[in-house]
Amino acid sequence: MFCSNIRACPVHSSMRPETLKVIQQQLTAMKAVQETKDDEEVKKIMDEYMFCFRNCYTEAEIVNHITQKIPSSVPAEVRNFCQGFIAVIDKDLRDVYLKDAEDCASERMSQARDTSEEAKRSQGEASTSHKCEPNCDK
């Protein structure tokens, strides 16, 4: 789920303006860091961090996302980097961001559950195109 327009996204539309401001500030800071790097691997990792902050991921989601996308990344290092970026946010704004990140994570999990339950229902539907005979292998 990638939001090119954070305000139009169903997950982000209920976020407080403070959180959107924090996200924009973090993206600006991350972009500045990324521009100073020459290593393509580091630039790719920064792209993934920006994706995570743009989508208001929790720390756990960030660690999971980046370690899946970039197998060479070390979870503890990803967590430390994430905590470093979150730590520079003003405490009150940080608390707002973290609360909204938890809410977004819950919404994402709810959407994933809905999709999987729908898939389970469709898998359970009987097919009428085949009628089994005794000793049928289908």
C-alpha atoms as a PDB file:
ATOM      1  CA  MET A   1       0.000   0.000   0.000  1.00  0.00           C
ATOM      2  CA  PHE A   2       1.710   3.183  -1.170  1.00  0.00           C
ATOM      3  CA  CYS A   3       0.080   6.563  -0.715  1.00  0.00           C
ATOM      4  CA  SER A   4       1.075   9.212  -3.181  1.00  0.00           C
ATOM      5  CA  ASN A   5      -1.517  11.502  -1.612  1.00  0.00           C
ATOM      6  CA  ILE A   6      -1.509  10.890   2.131  1.00  0.00           C
ATOM      7  CA  ARG A   7      -4.638  12.975   2.740  1.00  0.00           C
ATOM      8  CA  ALA A   8      -6.729  10.938   0.254  1.00  0.00           C
ATOM      9  CA  CYS A   9      -5.753   7.539   1.655  1.00  0.00           C
ATOM     10  CA  PRO A  10      -8.448   5.782   3.723  1.00  0.00           C
ATOM     11  CA  VAL A  11      -5.838   4.717   6.279  1.00  0.00           C
ATOM     12  CA  HIS A  12      -4.273   8.187   6.548  1.00  0.00           C
ATOM     13  CA  SER A  13      -7.362  10.359   6.163  1.00  0.00           C
ATOM     14  CA  SER A  14      -8.284   9.981   9.841  1.00  0.00           C
ATOM     15  CA  MET A  15      -4.807  10.986  11.006  1.00  0.00           C
ATOM     16  CA  ARG A  16      -4.301  14.117  12.968  1.00  0.00           C
ATOM     17  CA  PRO A  17      -2.678  17.023  11.096  1.00  0.00           C
ATOM     18  CA  GLU A  18       0.264  16.832  13.516  1.00  0.00           C
ATOM     19  CA  THR A  19       1.061  13.322  12.301  1.00  0.00           C
ATOM     20  CA  LEU A  20       0.964  14.374   8.669  1.00  0.00           C
ATOM     21  CA  LYS A  21       3.327  17.232   9.552  1.00  0.00           C
ATOM     22  CA  VAL A  22       5.714  14.805  11.294  1.00  0.00           C
ATOM     23  CA  ILE A  23       5.636  12.476   8.293  1.00  0.00           C
ATOM     24  CA  GLN A  24       6.449  15.319   5.916  1.00  0.00           C
ATOM     25  CA  GLN A  25       9.290  16.509   8.176  1.00  0.00           C
ATOM     26  CA  GLN A  26      10.724  13.000   8.420  1.00  0.00           C
ATOM     27  CA  LEU A  27      10.511  12.474   4.670  1.00  0.00           C
ATOM     28  CA  THR A  28      12.332  15.758   4.071  1.00  0.00           C
ATOM     29  CA  ALA A  29      15.078  14.780   6.539  1.00  0.00           C
ATOM     30  CA  MET A  30      15.402  11.291   5.069  1.00  0.00           C
ATOM     31  CA  LYS A  31      15.596  12.653   1.535  1.00  0.00           C
ATOM     32  CA  ALA A  32      18.397  14.992   2.639  1.00  0.00           C
ATOM     33  CA  VAL A  33      20.305  12.062   4.170  1.00  0.00           C
ATOM     34  CA  GLN A  34      19.716   9.957   1.076  1.00  0.00           C
ATOM     35  CA  GLU A  35      21.090  12.661  -1.223  1.00  0.00           C
ATOM     36  CA  THR A  36      24.407  12.649   0.650  1.00  0.00           C
ATOM     37  CA  LYS A  37      24.943   8.932   0.057  1.00  0.00           C
ATOM     38  CA  ASP A  38      26.694   7.393  -2.926  1.00  0.00           C
ATOM     39  CA  ASP A  39      26.084   3.740  -2.070  1.00  0.00           C
ATOM     40  CA  GLU A  40      23.089   2.381  -4.016  1.00  0.00           C
ATOM     41  CA  GLU A  41      22.293  -0.114  -1.231  1.00  0.00           C
ATOM     42  CA  VAL A  42      22.044   2.735   1.287  1.00  0.00           C
ATOM     43  CA  LYS A  43      19.826   4.712  -1.100  1.00  0.00           C
ATOM     44  CA  LYS A  44      17.554   1.686  -1.482  1.00  0.00           C
ATOM     45  CA  ILE A  45      17.325   1.292   2.288  1.00  0.00           C
ATOM     46  CA  MET A  46      16.453   5.000   2.625  1.00  0.00           C
ATOM     47  CA  ASP A  47      13.724   4.550  -0.008  1.00  0.00           C
ATOM     48  CA  GLU A  48      12.263   1.773   2.125  1.00  0.00           C
ATOM     49  CA  TYR A  49      12.428   3.894   5.304  1.00  0.00           C
ATOM     50  CA  MET A  50      10.655   6.705   3.450  1.00  0.00           C
ATOM     51  CA  PHE A  51       8.000   4.251   2.272  1.00  0.00           C
ATOM     52  CA  CYS A  52       7.486   3.131   5.871  1.00  0.00           C
ATOM     53  CA  PHE A  53       7.208   6.652   7.289  1.00  0.00           C
ATOM     54  CA  ARG A  54       5.009   7.780   4.396  1.00  0.00           C
ATOM     55  CA  ASN A  55       2.630   4.968   5.299  1.00  0.00           C
ATOM     56  CA  CYS A  56       2.897   5.622   9.047  1.00  0.00           C
ATOM     57  CA  TYR A  57       4.367   2.245   9.988  1.00  0.00           C
ATOM     58  CA  THR A  58       5.099   1.239  13.556  1.00  0.00           C
ATOM     59  CA  GLU A  59       8.662   0.416  14.535  1.00  0.00           C
ATOM     60  CA  ALA A  60       7.891  -3.314  14.338  1.00  0.00           C
ATOM     61  CA  GLU A  61       6.376  -2.893  10.864  1.00  0.00           C
ATOM     62  CA  ILE A  62       9.416  -0.913   9.718  1.00  0.00           C
ATOM     63  CA  VAL A  63      11.829  -3.590  10.936  1.00  0.00           C
ATOM     64  CA  ASN A  64       9.741  -6.333   9.330  1.00  0.00           C
ATOM     65  CA  HIS A  65       9.327  -4.460   6.030  1.00  0.00           C
ATOM     66  CA  ILE A  66      12.969  -3.516   5.602  1.00  0.00           C
ATOM     67  CA  THR A  67      14.382  -6.895   6.602  1.00  0.00           C
ATOM     68  CA  GLN A  68      12.040  -8.568   4.109  1.00  0.00           C
ATOM     69  CA  LYS A  69      12.824  -6.122   1.291  1.00  0.00           C
ATOM     70  CA  ILE A  70      16.561  -6.032   1.975  1.00  0.00           C
ATOM     71  CA  PRO A  71      17.673  -9.426   3.292  1.00  0.00           C
ATOM     72  CA  SER A  72      21.191  -8.165   4.068  1.00  0.00           C
ATOM     73  CA  SER A  73      19.791  -5.696   6.622  1.00  0.00           C
ATOM     74  CA  VAL A  74      20.189  -6.512  10.314  1.00  0.00           C
ATOM     75  CA  PRO A  75      16.978  -6.130  12.380  1.00  0.00           C
ATOM     76  CA  ALA A  76      18.783  -4.521  15.347  1.00  0.00           C
ATOM     77  CA  GLU A  77      20.417  -1.932  13.068  1.00  0.00           C
ATOM     78  CA  VAL A  78      17.108  -1.207  11.339  1.00  0.00           C
ATOM     79  CA  ARG A  79      15.447  -0.765  14.744  1.00  0.00           C
ATOM     80  CA  ASN A  80      18.221   1.571  15.968  1.00  0.00           C
ATOM     81  CA  PHE A  81      18.051   3.706  12.828  1.00  0.00           C
ATOM     82  CA  CYS A  82      14.267   3.898  13.097  1.00  0.00           C
ATOM     83  CA  GLN A  83      14.472   4.877  16.774  1.00  0.00           C
ATOM     84  CA  GLY A  84      16.997   7.554  15.873  1.00  0.00           C
ATOM     85  CA  PHE A  85      14.648   9.154  13.368  1.00  0.00           C
ATOM     86  CA  ILE A  86      11.722   8.940  15.789  1.00  0.00           C
ATOM     87  CA  ALA A  87      13.797  10.320  18.686  1.00  0.00           C
ATOM     88  CA  VAL A  88      14.416  13.645  16.933  1.00  0.00           C
ATOM     89  CA  ILE A  89      10.679  14.325  16.758  1.00  0.00           C
ATOM     90  CA  ASP A  90       9.333  16.655  19.454  1.00  0.00           C
ATOM     91  CA  LYS A  91       7.996  14.472  22.309  1.00  0.00           C
ATOM     92  CA  ASP A  92       4.360  15.567  21.982  1.00  0.00           C
ATOM     93  CA  LEU A  93       4.401  15.120  18.208  1.00  0.00           C
ATOM     94  CA  ARG A  94       6.233  11.801  18.594  1.00  0.00           C
ATOM     95  CA  ASP A  95       3.460  10.501  20.862  1.00  0.00           C
ATOM     96  CA  VAL A  96       0.837  11.595  18.323  1.00  0.00           C
ATOM     97  CA  TYR A  97       2.757   9.912  15.484  1.00  0.00           C
ATOM     98  CA  LEU A  98       3.220   6.667  17.440  1.00  0.00           C
ATOM     99  CA  LYS A  99      -0.492   6.546  18.358  1.00  0.00           C
ATOM    100  CA  ASP A 100      -1.545   7.139  14.753  1.00  0.00           C
ATOM    101  CA  ALA A 101       0.991   4.539  13.580  1.00  0.00           C
ATOM    102  CA  GLU A 102      -0.654   1.982  15.893  1.00  0.00           C
ATOM    103  CA  ASP A 103      -4.079   2.964  14.539  1.00  0.00           C
ATOM    104  CA  CYS A 104      -2.830   2.625  10.952  1.00  0.00           C
ATOM    105  CA  ALA A 105      -1.298  -0.761  11.755  1.00  0.00           C
ATOM    106  CA  SER A 106      -4.633  -1.928  13.157  1.00  0.00           C
ATOM    107  CA  GLU A 107      -6.404  -0.699  10.035  1.00  0.00           C
ATOM    108  CA  ARG A 108      -3.909  -2.477   7.780  1.00  0.00           C
ATOM    109  CA  MET A 109      -4.327  -5.712   9.751  1.00  0.00           C
ATOM    110  CA  SER A 110      -8.100  -5.372   9.576  1.00  0.00           C
ATOM    111  CA  GLN A 111      -7.962  -4.903   5.805  1.00  0.00           C
ATOM    112  CA  ALA A 112      -5.662  -7.918   5.469  1.00  0.00           C
ATOM    113  CA  ARG A 113      -8.018 -10.043   7.582  1.00  0.00           C
ATOM    114  CA  ASP A 114     -11.009  -9.001   5.494  1.00  0.00           C
ATOM    115  CA  THR A 115      -9.201 -10.000   2.328  1.00  0.00           C
ATOM    116  CA  SER A 116      -8.093 -13.355   3.704  1.00  0.00           C
ATOM    117  CA  GLU A 117     -11.579 -14.171   5.040  1.00  0.00           C
ATOM    118  CA  GLU A 118     -13.049 -13.329   1.648  1.00  0.00           C
ATOM    119  CA  ALA A 119     -10.479 -15.602   0.022  1.00  0.00           C
ATOM    120  CA  LYS A 120     -11.336 -18.406   2.443  1.00  0.00           C
ATOM    121  CA  ARG A 121     -15.039 -18.079   1.643  1.00  0.00           C
ATOM    122  CA  SER A 122     -14.406 -18.207  -2.088  1.00  0.00           C
ATOM    123  CA  GLN A 123     -12.146 -21.247  -1.680  1.00  0.00           C
ATOM    124  CA  GLY A 124     -14.876 -23.045   0.224  1.00  0.00           C
ATOM    125  CA  GLU A 125     -17.454 -22.682  -2.529  1.00  0.00           C
ATOM    126  CA  ALA A 126     -18.366 -25.984  -4.130  1.00  0.00           C
ATOM    127  CA  SER A 127     -17.825 -26.430  -7.825  1.00  0.00           C
ATOM    128  CA  THR A 128     -20.835 -27.659  -9.778  1.00  0.00           C
ATOM    129  CA  SER A 129     -18.877 -28.380 -12.955  1.00  0.00           C
ATOM    130  CA  HIS A 130     -17.784 -31.817 -11.782  1.00  0.00           C
ATOM    131  CA  LYS A 131     -19.890 -34.574 -10.325  1.00  0.00           C
ATOM    132  CA  CYS A 132     -17.866 -37.231  -8.533  1.00  0.00           C
ATOM    133  CA  GLU A 133     -18.430 -40.872  -9.281  1.00  0.00           C
ATOM    134  CA  PRO A 134     -17.410 -43.645  -6.882  1.00  0.00           C
ATOM    135  CA  ASN A 135     -13.596 -43.990  -6.753  1.00  0.00           C
ATOM    136  CA  CYS A 136     -13.107 -40.521  -8.301  1.00  0.00           C
ATOM    137  CA  ASP A 137      -9.637 -39.051  -7.804  1.00  0.00           C
ATOM    138  CA  LYS A 138     -10.664 -35.405  -8.288  1.00  0.00           C
END
